[in-house]
């Protein structure tokens, strides 16, 4: 059968003919095994009945079109259509909180996305800096990307292999991290009570 996502426009087409009646005089009824009759779109003089629909409910539909002529004789044909439901937004937060500029930001899923059809879900990530989307699509976001005072927002999108659902999101403001230093050298190495000592730091970085 065919597959469409919930609220997606689906195009239907049937070709009709009758020995006695012109095609446009045939009475057509389009029925869903879940929703009942959803259209009575007739055929054109060429025998083609075409229309679009986006209100079918989620689930597996058997779509049957019935054609009835002026003598009350009926023929039908059926097809299967699966209407897929989108996964729901997950609940997420950013770790650590508070975060310093020397720490990676990790999008943590508190409540996984729920898929109404029971499909397996995968997640994708978008990171925004001060409200503007960046090229960062990995989780975690490397500490090298962040600077004190920046506002980072993550959007976590669920996908059921058919459609991407709404995102779960969280934001955090990057705080200050202490400067670092690899060591210090004191000279002279051998000192007396009347010497002046000089300390020279090395590898200091903020």
N, C-alpha and C. Protein backbone atom coordinates (compact mmCIF):
# COMPACT_ATOMS: atom_id res chain seq x y z
N UNK A 1 0.82 -1.21 0.00
CA UNK A 1 0.00 0.00 0.00
C UNK A 1 0.86 1.26 0.00
N UNK A 2 0.20 2.38 -0.13
CA UNK A 2 0.86 3.68 -0.13
C UNK A 2 0.93 4.22 1.29
N UNK A 3 1.82 5.20 1.49
CA UNK A 3 1.99 5.83 2.80
C UNK A 3 1.94 7.34 2.65
N UNK A 4 1.26 7.99 3.59
CA UNK A 4 1.24 9.44 3.67
C UNK A 4 1.29 9.81 5.14
N UNK A 5 1.72 11.03 5.42
CA UNK A 5 1.76 11.50 6.80
C UNK A 5 0.47 12.22 7.16
N UNK A 6 0.15 12.21 8.43
CA UNK A 6 -1.07 12.86 8.91
C UNK A 6 -1.09 14.31 8.47
N UNK A 7 -2.24 14.75 7.96
CA UNK A 7 -2.47 16.12 7.45
C UNK A 7 -1.79 16.38 6.11
N UNK A 8 -1.11 15.41 5.57
CA UNK A 8 -0.50 15.57 4.25
C UNK A 8 -1.55 15.39 3.16
N UNK A 9 -1.45 16.16 2.08
CA UNK A 9 -2.40 16.04 0.97
C UNK A 9 -2.14 14.75 0.21
N UNK A 10 -3.22 13.96 0.04
CA UNK A 10 -3.16 12.71 -0.70
C UNK A 10 -4.00 12.87 -1.96
N UNK A 11 -3.48 12.44 -3.09
CA UNK A 11 -4.18 12.56 -4.36
C UNK A 11 -4.80 11.20 -4.72
N UNK A 12 -6.09 11.24 -5.05
CA UNK A 12 -6.83 10.04 -5.41
C UNK A 12 -7.26 10.12 -6.87
N UNK A 13 -7.26 8.95 -7.55
CA UNK A 13 -7.67 8.91 -8.94
C UNK A 13 -8.28 7.55 -9.24
N UNK A 14 -9.40 7.59 -9.96
CA UNK A 14 -10.02 6.35 -10.42
C UNK A 14 -10.44 6.54 -11.87
N UNK A 15 -10.37 5.47 -12.64
CA UNK A 15 -10.80 5.48 -14.04
C UNK A 15 -12.06 4.61 -14.14
N UNK A 16 -13.13 5.20 -14.69
CA UNK A 16 -14.42 4.49 -14.77
C UNK A 16 -14.91 4.40 -16.21
N UNK A 17 -15.73 3.39 -16.45
CA UNK A 17 -16.40 3.24 -17.75
C UNK A 17 -17.63 2.36 -17.56
N UNK A 18 -18.59 2.52 -18.47
CA UNK A 18 -19.81 1.72 -18.40
C UNK A 18 -20.34 1.56 -19.82
N UNK A 19 -20.91 0.38 -20.14
CA UNK A 19 -21.40 0.13 -21.50
C UNK A 19 -22.61 0.99 -21.84
N UNK A 20 -23.48 1.26 -20.82
CA UNK A 20 -24.70 2.00 -21.10
C UNK A 20 -24.59 3.50 -20.76
N UNK A 21 -23.96 3.82 -19.63
CA UNK A 21 -23.95 5.20 -19.13
C UNK A 21 -22.63 5.90 -19.45
N UNK A 22 -22.74 7.21 -19.69
CA UNK A 22 -21.53 8.00 -19.81
C UNK A 22 -20.82 8.06 -18.45
N UNK A 23 -19.48 8.14 -18.42
CA UNK A 23 -18.75 8.10 -17.15
C UNK A 23 -19.19 9.15 -16.14
N UNK A 24 -19.51 10.38 -16.61
CA UNK A 24 -19.88 11.43 -15.66
C UNK A 24 -21.25 11.21 -15.02
N UNK A 25 -22.04 10.23 -15.56
CA UNK A 25 -23.35 9.94 -14.99
C UNK A 25 -23.29 8.83 -13.94
N UNK A 26 -22.15 8.20 -13.81
CA UNK A 26 -21.99 7.17 -12.79
C UNK A 26 -21.91 7.83 -11.41
N UNK A 27 -22.48 7.18 -10.41
CA UNK A 27 -22.42 7.68 -9.04
C UNK A 27 -21.22 7.02 -8.35
N UNK A 28 -20.29 7.86 -7.90
CA UNK A 28 -19.10 7.34 -7.23
C UNK A 28 -19.15 7.62 -5.74
N UNK A 29 -18.68 6.66 -4.95
CA UNK A 29 -18.58 6.82 -3.50
C UNK A 29 -17.21 6.32 -3.06
N UNK A 30 -16.46 7.22 -2.42
CA UNK A 30 -15.13 6.88 -1.93
C UNK A 30 -15.23 6.63 -0.43
N UNK A 31 -14.83 5.43 0.01
CA UNK A 31 -15.00 5.05 1.42
C UNK A 31 -13.69 4.56 2.02
N UNK A 32 -13.50 4.94 3.29
CA UNK A 32 -12.36 4.47 4.07
C UNK A 32 -12.85 3.48 5.11
N UNK A 33 -12.09 2.43 5.34
CA UNK A 33 -12.47 1.45 6.36
C UNK A 33 -12.42 2.05 7.75
N UNK A 34 -11.71 3.19 7.93
CA UNK A 34 -11.64 3.85 9.23
C UNK A 34 -12.57 5.06 9.33
N UNK A 35 -12.70 5.81 8.26
CA UNK A 35 -13.43 7.08 8.32
C UNK A 35 -14.77 7.08 7.60
N UNK A 36 -15.11 5.99 6.91
CA UNK A 36 -16.37 5.95 6.17
C UNK A 36 -16.27 6.73 4.86
N UNK A 37 -17.41 7.17 4.35
CA UNK A 37 -17.44 7.90 3.08
C UNK A 37 -16.77 9.26 3.26
N UNK A 38 -15.78 9.55 2.42
CA UNK A 38 -15.09 10.83 2.55
C UNK A 38 -15.14 11.64 1.26
N UNK A 39 -15.73 11.06 0.19
CA UNK A 39 -15.89 11.83 -1.04
C UNK A 39 -16.91 11.15 -1.95
N UNK A 40 -17.60 11.97 -2.73
CA UNK A 40 -18.48 11.48 -3.80
C UNK A 40 -18.05 12.14 -5.12
N UNK A 41 -16.77 12.41 -5.25
CA UNK A 41 -16.23 13.05 -6.44
C UNK A 41 -16.58 12.23 -7.68
N UNK A 42 -17.33 12.82 -8.64
CA UNK A 42 -17.70 12.07 -9.84
C UNK A 42 -16.56 12.05 -10.85
N UNK A 43 -16.77 11.28 -11.90
CA UNK A 43 -15.79 11.21 -12.98
C UNK A 43 -16.10 12.27 -14.02
N UNK A 44 -15.11 12.62 -14.79
CA UNK A 44 -15.29 13.52 -15.93
C UNK A 44 -15.84 12.74 -17.12
N UNK A 45 -16.12 13.44 -18.20
CA UNK A 45 -16.63 12.76 -19.40
C UNK A 45 -15.60 11.80 -19.97
N UNK A 46 -14.34 12.01 -19.63
CA UNK A 46 -13.29 11.09 -20.08
C UNK A 46 -13.14 9.88 -19.18
N UNK A 47 -13.89 9.84 -18.08
CA UNK A 47 -13.86 8.67 -17.20
C UNK A 47 -12.92 8.77 -16.02
N UNK A 48 -12.26 9.92 -15.86
CA UNK A 48 -11.29 10.06 -14.78
C UNK A 48 -11.89 10.85 -13.62
N UNK A 49 -11.81 10.28 -12.43
CA UNK A 49 -12.25 10.97 -11.21
C UNK A 49 -11.00 11.24 -10.37
N UNK A 50 -10.70 12.53 -10.13
CA UNK A 50 -9.49 12.92 -9.41
C UNK A 50 -9.82 13.98 -8.37
N UNK A 51 -9.20 13.86 -7.18
CA UNK A 51 -9.35 14.87 -6.14
C UNK A 51 -8.25 14.67 -5.10
N UNK A 52 -8.12 15.62 -4.19
CA UNK A 52 -7.13 15.52 -3.11
C UNK A 52 -7.84 15.59 -1.77
N UNK A 53 -7.19 15.04 -0.74
CA UNK A 53 -7.79 14.96 0.59
C UNK A 53 -6.67 14.98 1.63
N UNK A 54 -6.90 15.69 2.75
CA UNK A 54 -5.88 15.70 3.81
C UNK A 54 -6.49 15.57 5.21
N UNK A 55 -7.69 14.99 5.28
CA UNK A 55 -8.35 14.88 6.59
C UNK A 55 -8.49 13.44 7.07
N UNK A 56 -7.88 12.49 6.39
CA UNK A 56 -8.00 11.11 6.83
C UNK A 56 -7.27 10.90 8.15
N UNK A 57 -7.81 10.05 9.00
CA UNK A 57 -7.25 9.82 10.32
C UNK A 57 -6.03 8.90 10.24
N UNK A 58 -5.28 8.88 11.32
CA UNK A 58 -4.08 8.06 11.39
C UNK A 58 -4.43 6.58 11.42
N UNK A 59 -3.67 5.76 10.71
CA UNK A 59 -3.88 4.32 10.73
C UNK A 59 -3.86 3.73 9.33
N UNK A 60 -4.17 2.44 9.24
CA UNK A 60 -4.20 1.74 7.95
C UNK A 60 -5.62 1.74 7.40
N UNK A 61 -5.79 2.37 6.25
CA UNK A 61 -7.09 2.48 5.59
C UNK A 61 -7.17 1.53 4.40
N UNK A 62 -8.29 0.89 4.27
CA UNK A 62 -8.64 0.26 3.00
C UNK A 62 -9.55 1.26 2.30
N UNK A 63 -9.08 1.81 1.20
CA UNK A 63 -9.84 2.80 0.44
C UNK A 63 -10.56 2.06 -0.69
N UNK A 64 -11.87 2.19 -0.71
CA UNK A 64 -12.68 1.53 -1.74
C UNK A 64 -13.51 2.57 -2.46
N UNK A 65 -13.48 2.54 -3.78
CA UNK A 65 -14.34 3.42 -4.58
C UNK A 65 -15.41 2.54 -5.24
N UNK A 66 -16.66 2.94 -5.04
CA UNK A 66 -17.81 2.24 -5.62
C UNK A 66 -18.37 3.08 -6.76
N UNK A 67 -18.65 2.44 -7.88
CA UNK A 67 -19.27 3.10 -9.03
C UNK A 67 -20.62 2.42 -9.30
N UNK A 68 -21.69 3.23 -9.32
CA UNK A 68 -23.04 2.69 -9.51
C UNK A 68 -23.64 3.32 -10.76
N UNK A 69 -24.20 2.48 -11.66
CA UNK A 69 -24.78 3.02 -12.90
C UNK A 69 -26.28 3.25 -12.71
N UNK A 70 -26.93 3.68 -13.79
CA UNK A 70 -28.36 4.05 -13.71
C UNK A 70 -29.25 2.85 -13.47
N UNK A 71 -28.77 1.64 -13.67
CA UNK A 71 -29.56 0.44 -13.40
C UNK A 71 -29.33 -0.09 -11.99
N UNK A 72 -28.51 0.63 -11.20
CA UNK A 72 -28.23 0.19 -9.83
C UNK A 72 -27.14 -0.84 -9.73
N UNK A 73 -26.47 -1.12 -10.84
CA UNK A 73 -25.38 -2.08 -10.81
C UNK A 73 -24.11 -1.38 -10.28
N UNK A 74 -23.35 -2.09 -9.43
CA UNK A 74 -22.20 -1.48 -8.74
C UNK A 74 -20.93 -2.29 -8.99
N UNK A 75 -19.85 -1.58 -9.19
CA UNK A 75 -18.52 -2.18 -9.25
C UNK A 75 -17.63 -1.43 -8.27
N UNK A 76 -16.55 -2.04 -7.84
CA UNK A 76 -15.67 -1.38 -6.86
C UNK A 76 -14.22 -1.80 -7.07
N UNK A 77 -13.34 -1.00 -6.50
CA UNK A 77 -11.93 -1.35 -6.46
C UNK A 77 -11.36 -0.77 -5.17
N UNK A 78 -10.31 -1.42 -4.65
CA UNK A 78 -9.76 -1.02 -3.35
C UNK A 78 -8.24 -0.90 -3.41
N UNK A 79 -7.75 -0.11 -2.48
CA UNK A 79 -6.30 0.03 -2.29
C UNK A 79 -6.05 0.30 -0.82
N UNK A 80 -4.83 0.02 -0.37
CA UNK A 80 -4.47 0.23 1.03
C UNK A 80 -3.65 1.51 1.15
N UNK A 81 -3.97 2.31 2.16
CA UNK A 81 -3.27 3.57 2.42
C UNK A 81 -2.97 3.66 3.91
N UNK A 82 -1.69 3.84 4.25
CA UNK A 82 -1.31 4.01 5.65
C UNK A 82 -1.06 5.48 5.92
N UNK A 83 -1.75 6.04 6.92
CA UNK A 83 -1.55 7.42 7.34
C UNK A 83 -0.68 7.40 8.60
N UNK A 84 0.51 7.94 8.47
CA UNK A 84 1.51 7.91 9.55
C UNK A 84 1.37 9.13 10.46
N UNK A 85 1.46 8.90 11.76
CA UNK A 85 1.45 9.99 12.73
C UNK A 85 2.86 10.42 13.06
N UNK A 86 3.08 11.73 13.19
CA UNK A 86 4.41 12.26 13.51
C UNK A 86 4.76 11.97 14.97
N UNK A 87 6.04 11.76 15.27
CA UNK A 87 6.45 11.60 16.67
C UNK A 87 6.31 12.92 17.42
N UNK A 88 6.07 12.82 18.72
CA UNK A 88 5.91 14.01 19.55
C UNK A 88 7.27 14.56 19.96
N UNK A 89 7.28 15.82 20.42
CA UNK A 89 8.53 16.46 20.85
C UNK A 89 9.06 15.80 22.12
N UNK A 90 10.36 15.55 22.18
CA UNK A 90 10.95 15.05 23.42
C UNK A 90 11.10 16.20 24.42
N UNK A 91 11.30 15.87 25.68
CA UNK A 91 11.62 16.87 26.70
C UNK A 91 13.13 16.80 26.92
N UNK A 92 13.82 17.95 26.76
CA UNK A 92 15.28 17.95 26.83
C UNK A 92 15.79 19.06 27.73
N UNK A 93 17.02 18.92 28.19
CA UNK A 93 17.71 20.01 28.88
C UNK A 93 19.20 19.95 28.54
N UNK A 94 19.90 21.06 28.79
CA UNK A 94 21.32 21.13 28.50
C UNK A 94 22.11 20.93 29.79
N UNK A 95 23.08 20.04 29.73
CA UNK A 95 24.04 19.82 30.83
C UNK A 95 25.40 20.33 30.41
N UNK A 96 26.25 20.80 31.32
CA UNK A 96 25.93 21.09 32.73
C UNK A 96 25.18 22.41 32.87
N UNK A 97 24.60 22.63 34.01
CA UNK A 97 23.89 23.87 34.30
C UNK A 97 24.14 24.24 35.76
N UNK A 98 24.90 25.29 36.04
CA UNK A 98 25.46 26.25 35.07
C UNK A 98 26.62 25.66 34.29
N UNK A 99 26.89 26.29 33.13
CA UNK A 99 27.97 25.82 32.25
C UNK A 99 29.03 26.89 32.13
N UNK A 100 30.28 26.48 32.20
CA UNK A 100 31.40 27.38 31.97
C UNK A 100 31.88 27.24 30.54
N UNK A 101 32.68 28.21 30.10
CA UNK A 101 33.14 28.20 28.71
C UNK A 101 34.16 27.12 28.42
N UNK A 102 34.63 26.42 29.43
CA UNK A 102 35.56 25.32 29.18
C UNK A 102 34.87 23.96 29.25
N UNK A 103 33.54 23.96 29.20
CA UNK A 103 32.79 22.71 29.28
C UNK A 103 31.96 22.50 28.02
N UNK A 104 31.93 21.26 27.54
CA UNK A 104 31.05 20.91 26.43
C UNK A 104 29.60 20.98 26.89
N UNK A 105 28.71 21.36 25.97
CA UNK A 105 27.28 21.41 26.26
C UNK A 105 26.63 20.14 25.72
N UNK A 106 25.90 19.47 26.58
CA UNK A 106 25.31 18.18 26.22
C UNK A 106 23.79 18.30 26.26
N UNK A 107 23.14 17.98 25.14
CA UNK A 107 21.67 17.93 25.09
C UNK A 107 21.23 16.58 25.65
N UNK A 108 20.54 16.62 26.77
CA UNK A 108 20.11 15.40 27.46
C UNK A 108 18.60 15.23 27.31
N UNK A 109 18.17 14.06 26.91
CA UNK A 109 16.75 13.78 26.72
C UNK A 109 16.17 13.26 28.03
N UNK A 110 15.25 14.05 28.61
CA UNK A 110 14.59 13.64 29.85
C UNK A 110 13.43 12.70 29.58
N UNK A 111 12.60 13.07 28.60
CA UNK A 111 11.45 12.24 28.21
C UNK A 111 11.56 11.97 26.72
N UNK A 112 11.78 10.72 26.31
CA UNK A 112 11.92 10.43 24.89
C UNK A 112 10.65 10.79 24.10
N UNK A 113 10.84 11.01 22.83
CA UNK A 113 9.71 11.25 21.93
C UNK A 113 8.83 10.00 21.87
N UNK A 114 7.52 10.25 21.77
CA UNK A 114 6.56 9.14 21.62
C UNK A 114 6.05 9.12 20.19
N UNK A 115 6.10 7.95 19.55
CA UNK A 115 5.56 7.82 18.20
C UNK A 115 4.24 7.06 18.26
N UNK A 116 3.15 7.64 17.76
CA UNK A 116 1.84 6.99 17.88
C UNK A 116 1.73 5.68 17.12
N UNK A 117 2.63 5.46 16.16
CA UNK A 117 2.59 4.22 15.39
C UNK A 117 3.59 3.19 15.89
N UNK A 118 4.33 3.54 16.95
CA UNK A 118 5.28 2.60 17.52
C UNK A 118 6.57 2.46 16.73
N UNK A 119 6.85 3.42 15.84
CA UNK A 119 8.08 3.35 15.05
C UNK A 119 9.29 3.71 15.90
N UNK A 120 10.44 3.16 15.54
CA UNK A 120 11.70 3.53 16.19
C UNK A 120 12.04 4.98 15.84
N UNK A 121 12.59 5.71 16.81
CA UNK A 121 12.85 7.13 16.64
C UNK A 121 14.34 7.40 16.69
N UNK A 122 14.80 8.24 15.78
CA UNK A 122 16.16 8.77 15.82
C UNK A 122 16.07 10.28 16.03
N UNK A 123 17.16 10.86 16.54
CA UNK A 123 17.16 12.28 16.87
C UNK A 123 18.23 13.02 16.07
N UNK A 124 17.91 14.26 15.71
CA UNK A 124 18.90 15.14 15.10
C UNK A 124 18.94 16.43 15.92
N UNK A 125 20.06 17.15 15.80
CA UNK A 125 20.32 18.30 16.69
C UNK A 125 20.65 19.54 15.87
N UNK A 126 20.13 20.69 16.33
CA UNK A 126 20.49 21.99 15.80
C UNK A 126 20.86 22.89 16.97
N UNK A 127 21.99 23.57 16.86
CA UNK A 127 22.43 24.49 17.91
C UNK A 127 22.35 25.92 17.38
N UNK A 128 21.72 26.79 18.18
CA UNK A 128 21.58 28.21 17.85
C UNK A 128 22.43 29.03 18.81
N UNK A 129 23.14 30.02 18.27
CA UNK A 129 23.94 30.94 19.06
C UNK A 129 23.28 32.30 19.05
N UNK A 130 22.86 32.75 20.24
CA UNK A 130 22.17 34.04 20.36
C UNK A 130 21.01 34.15 19.37
N UNK A 131 20.28 33.06 19.19
CA UNK A 131 19.09 33.05 18.34
C UNK A 131 19.34 32.81 16.88
N UNK A 132 20.59 32.60 16.47
CA UNK A 132 20.92 32.38 15.06
C UNK A 132 21.44 30.95 14.88
N UNK A 133 20.89 30.23 13.90
CA UNK A 133 21.29 28.85 13.68
C UNK A 133 22.75 28.78 13.27
N UNK A 134 23.46 27.78 13.77
CA UNK A 134 24.86 27.57 13.43
C UNK A 134 25.00 26.27 12.63
N UNK A 135 26.22 25.96 12.24
CA UNK A 135 26.47 24.72 11.49
C UNK A 135 26.67 23.54 12.44
N UNK A 136 26.56 23.76 13.73
CA UNK A 136 26.76 22.68 14.71
C UNK A 136 25.53 21.78 14.78
N UNK A 137 25.72 20.52 14.43
CA UNK A 137 24.61 19.56 14.42
C UNK A 137 24.96 18.29 15.20
N UNK A 138 26.01 18.37 16.03
CA UNK A 138 26.42 17.21 16.81
C UNK A 138 26.05 17.41 18.27
N UNK A 139 26.01 16.33 19.00
CA UNK A 139 25.78 16.37 20.44
C UNK A 139 26.82 15.46 21.09
N UNK A 140 27.67 16.00 22.00
CA UNK A 140 27.60 17.35 22.58
C UNK A 140 28.19 18.43 21.68
N UNK A 141 27.97 19.70 22.10
CA UNK A 141 28.59 20.85 21.47
C UNK A 141 29.94 21.08 22.14
N UNK A 142 31.00 21.11 21.34
CA UNK A 142 32.35 21.20 21.89
C UNK A 142 32.56 22.49 22.68
N UNK A 143 33.33 22.41 23.76
CA UNK A 143 33.63 23.58 24.58
C UNK A 143 34.34 24.66 23.78
N UNK A 144 35.08 24.26 22.75
CA UNK A 144 35.81 25.23 21.93
C UNK A 144 34.88 26.16 21.16
N UNK A 145 33.60 25.82 21.08
CA UNK A 145 32.63 26.65 20.37
C UNK A 145 32.05 27.76 21.25
N UNK A 146 32.23 27.67 22.55
CA UNK A 146 31.52 28.57 23.45
C UNK A 146 32.43 29.61 24.08
N UNK A 147 31.83 30.77 24.36
CA UNK A 147 32.50 31.88 25.02
C UNK A 147 31.57 32.43 26.09
N UNK A 148 32.14 32.92 27.18
CA UNK A 148 31.36 33.49 28.28
C UNK A 148 30.34 34.52 27.75
N UNK A 149 29.11 34.43 28.25
CA UNK A 149 28.07 35.38 27.91
C UNK A 149 27.21 34.97 26.72
N UNK A 150 27.62 33.96 25.97
CA UNK A 150 26.81 33.51 24.84
C UNK A 150 25.58 32.74 25.32
N UNK A 151 24.49 32.88 24.57
CA UNK A 151 23.28 32.10 24.84
C UNK A 151 23.19 31.01 23.76
N UNK A 152 23.26 29.76 24.20
CA UNK A 152 23.16 28.62 23.28
C UNK A 152 21.82 27.93 23.48
N UNK A 153 21.17 27.61 22.36
CA UNK A 153 19.89 26.90 22.37
C UNK A 153 20.00 25.66 21.50
N UNK A 154 19.50 24.56 22.01
CA UNK A 154 19.50 23.32 21.23
C UNK A 154 18.07 22.95 20.87
N UNK A 155 17.89 22.48 19.64
CA UNK A 155 16.63 21.91 19.17
C UNK A 155 16.88 20.44 18.85
N UNK A 156 16.11 19.57 19.48
CA UNK A 156 16.26 18.14 19.28
C UNK A 156 15.02 17.63 18.55
N UNK A 157 15.22 17.19 17.30
CA UNK A 157 14.11 16.77 16.44
C UNK A 157 13.99 15.25 16.40
N UNK A 158 12.78 14.71 16.62
CA UNK A 158 12.56 13.27 16.48
C UNK A 158 12.14 12.91 15.05
N UNK A 159 12.57 11.76 14.57
CA UNK A 159 12.18 11.29 13.25
C UNK A 159 11.85 9.81 13.32
N UNK A 160 10.72 9.43 12.71
CA UNK A 160 10.28 8.02 12.75
C UNK A 160 10.58 7.29 11.45
N UNK A 161 11.49 7.83 10.64
CA UNK A 161 11.91 7.35 9.33
C UNK A 161 10.94 7.75 8.22
N UNK A 162 9.80 8.37 8.61
CA UNK A 162 8.85 8.86 7.62
C UNK A 162 8.71 10.38 7.67
N UNK A 163 8.75 10.93 8.89
CA UNK A 163 8.53 12.36 9.06
C UNK A 163 9.25 12.83 10.32
N UNK A 164 9.67 14.09 10.31
CA UNK A 164 10.29 14.71 11.48
C UNK A 164 9.23 15.42 12.30
N UNK A 165 9.21 15.13 13.58
CA UNK A 165 8.24 15.76 14.47
C UNK A 165 8.76 17.06 15.05
N UNK A 166 7.96 17.71 15.90
CA UNK A 166 8.38 18.96 16.53
C UNK A 166 9.54 18.74 17.48
N UNK A 167 10.34 19.78 17.66
CA UNK A 167 11.56 19.67 18.46
C UNK A 167 11.31 19.93 19.93
N UNK A 168 12.11 19.27 20.76
CA UNK A 168 12.26 19.66 22.16
C UNK A 168 13.42 20.63 22.23
N UNK A 169 13.36 21.60 23.11
CA UNK A 169 14.38 22.64 23.12
C UNK A 169 14.74 23.09 24.52
N UNK A 170 15.95 23.63 24.67
CA UNK A 170 16.41 24.21 25.92
C UNK A 170 17.52 25.21 25.59
N UNK A 171 17.71 26.19 26.49
CA UNK A 171 18.74 27.22 26.31
C UNK A 171 19.57 27.35 27.57
N UNK A 172 20.79 27.87 27.39
CA UNK A 172 21.66 28.11 28.53
C UNK A 172 22.60 29.26 28.20
N UNK A 173 22.94 30.04 29.22
CA UNK A 173 23.92 31.12 29.07
C UNK A 173 25.26 30.63 29.60
N UNK A 174 26.29 30.77 28.79
CA UNK A 174 27.62 30.29 29.17
C UNK A 174 28.23 31.23 30.21
N UNK A 175 28.69 30.65 31.30
CA UNK A 175 29.29 31.43 32.39
C UNK A 175 30.79 31.53 32.24
N UNK A 176 31.40 32.17 33.23
CA UNK A 176 32.85 32.39 33.23
C UNK A 176 33.58 31.14 33.71
N UNK A 177 34.70 30.85 33.05
CA UNK A 177 35.57 29.77 33.53
C UNK A 177 36.87 30.39 34.01
N UNK A 178 37.51 29.82 35.04
CA UNK A 178 38.75 30.40 35.56
C UNK A 178 39.88 30.26 34.55
N UNK A 179 40.83 31.18 34.56
CA UNK A 179 42.00 31.03 33.68
C UNK A 179 42.84 29.85 34.12
N UNK A 180 43.69 29.38 33.21
CA UNK A 180 44.57 28.24 33.52
C UNK A 180 46.03 28.66 33.36
N UNK A 181 46.92 27.89 34.02
CA UNK A 181 48.35 28.14 33.94
C UNK A 181 49.06 26.81 34.12
N UNK A 182 50.08 26.60 33.28
CA UNK A 182 50.76 25.31 33.34
C UNK A 182 51.86 25.27 34.39
N UNK A 183 52.38 26.43 34.79
CA UNK A 183 53.44 26.41 35.80
C UNK A 183 54.03 27.79 36.01
N UNK A 184 55.04 27.85 36.90
CA UNK A 184 55.72 29.10 37.20
C UNK A 184 57.20 28.80 37.48
N UNK A 185 58.05 29.72 37.05
CA UNK A 185 59.49 29.58 37.30
C UNK A 185 59.94 30.71 38.21
N UNK A 186 60.71 30.36 39.27
CA UNK A 186 61.23 31.35 40.22
C UNK A 186 62.74 31.47 40.00
N UNK A 187 63.21 32.69 39.84
CA UNK A 187 64.64 32.96 39.70
C UNK A 187 65.07 34.00 40.73
N UNK A 188 66.32 33.94 41.17
CA UNK A 188 67.33 32.90 40.82
C UNK A 188 67.00 31.57 41.48
N UNK A 189 67.53 30.51 40.89
CA UNK A 189 67.27 29.16 41.41
C UNK A 189 67.87 28.99 42.80
N UNK A 190 69.05 29.55 42.98
CA UNK A 190 69.66 29.55 44.31
C UNK A 190 69.58 30.98 44.83
N UNK A 191 68.91 31.20 45.93
CA UNK A 191 68.65 32.54 46.41
C UNK A 191 69.19 32.74 47.82
N UNK A 192 69.59 33.98 48.08
CA UNK A 192 70.06 34.37 49.41
C UNK A 192 69.11 35.43 49.96
N UNK A 193 69.34 35.75 51.23
CA UNK A 193 68.39 36.65 51.90
C UNK A 193 68.34 38.03 51.31
N UNK A 194 69.37 38.44 50.60
CA UNK A 194 69.34 39.78 50.02
C UNK A 194 69.01 39.75 48.52
N UNK A 195 68.64 38.57 47.98
CA UNK A 195 68.27 38.48 46.56
C UNK A 195 66.80 38.87 46.35
N UNK A 196 66.53 39.40 45.17
CA UNK A 196 65.15 39.65 44.75
C UNK A 196 64.67 38.46 43.93
N UNK A 197 63.57 37.88 44.34
CA UNK A 197 63.02 36.72 43.63
C UNK A 197 62.02 37.19 42.57
N UNK A 198 62.12 36.56 41.41
CA UNK A 198 61.20 36.88 40.30
C UNK A 198 60.44 35.62 39.90
N UNK A 199 59.10 35.70 39.91
CA UNK A 199 58.25 34.59 39.50
C UNK A 199 57.76 34.85 38.08
N UNK A 200 57.99 33.90 37.18
CA UNK A 200 57.56 34.02 35.78
C UNK A 200 56.55 32.91 35.46
N UNK A 201 55.29 33.30 35.24
CA UNK A 201 54.28 32.27 34.92
C UNK A 201 54.45 31.75 33.51
N UNK A 202 53.97 30.54 33.27
CA UNK A 202 54.04 29.93 31.93
C UNK A 202 52.71 29.27 31.60
N UNK A 203 52.37 29.32 30.30
CA UNK A 203 51.18 28.62 29.82
C UNK A 203 49.89 29.15 30.38
N UNK A 204 49.84 30.46 30.65
CA UNK A 204 48.58 31.01 31.19
C UNK A 204 47.64 31.33 30.05
N UNK A 205 46.34 31.05 30.28
CA UNK A 205 45.33 31.20 29.22
C UNK A 205 43.96 31.41 29.85
N UNK A 206 43.19 32.30 29.24
CA UNK A 206 41.81 32.51 29.71
C UNK A 206 40.87 32.19 28.56
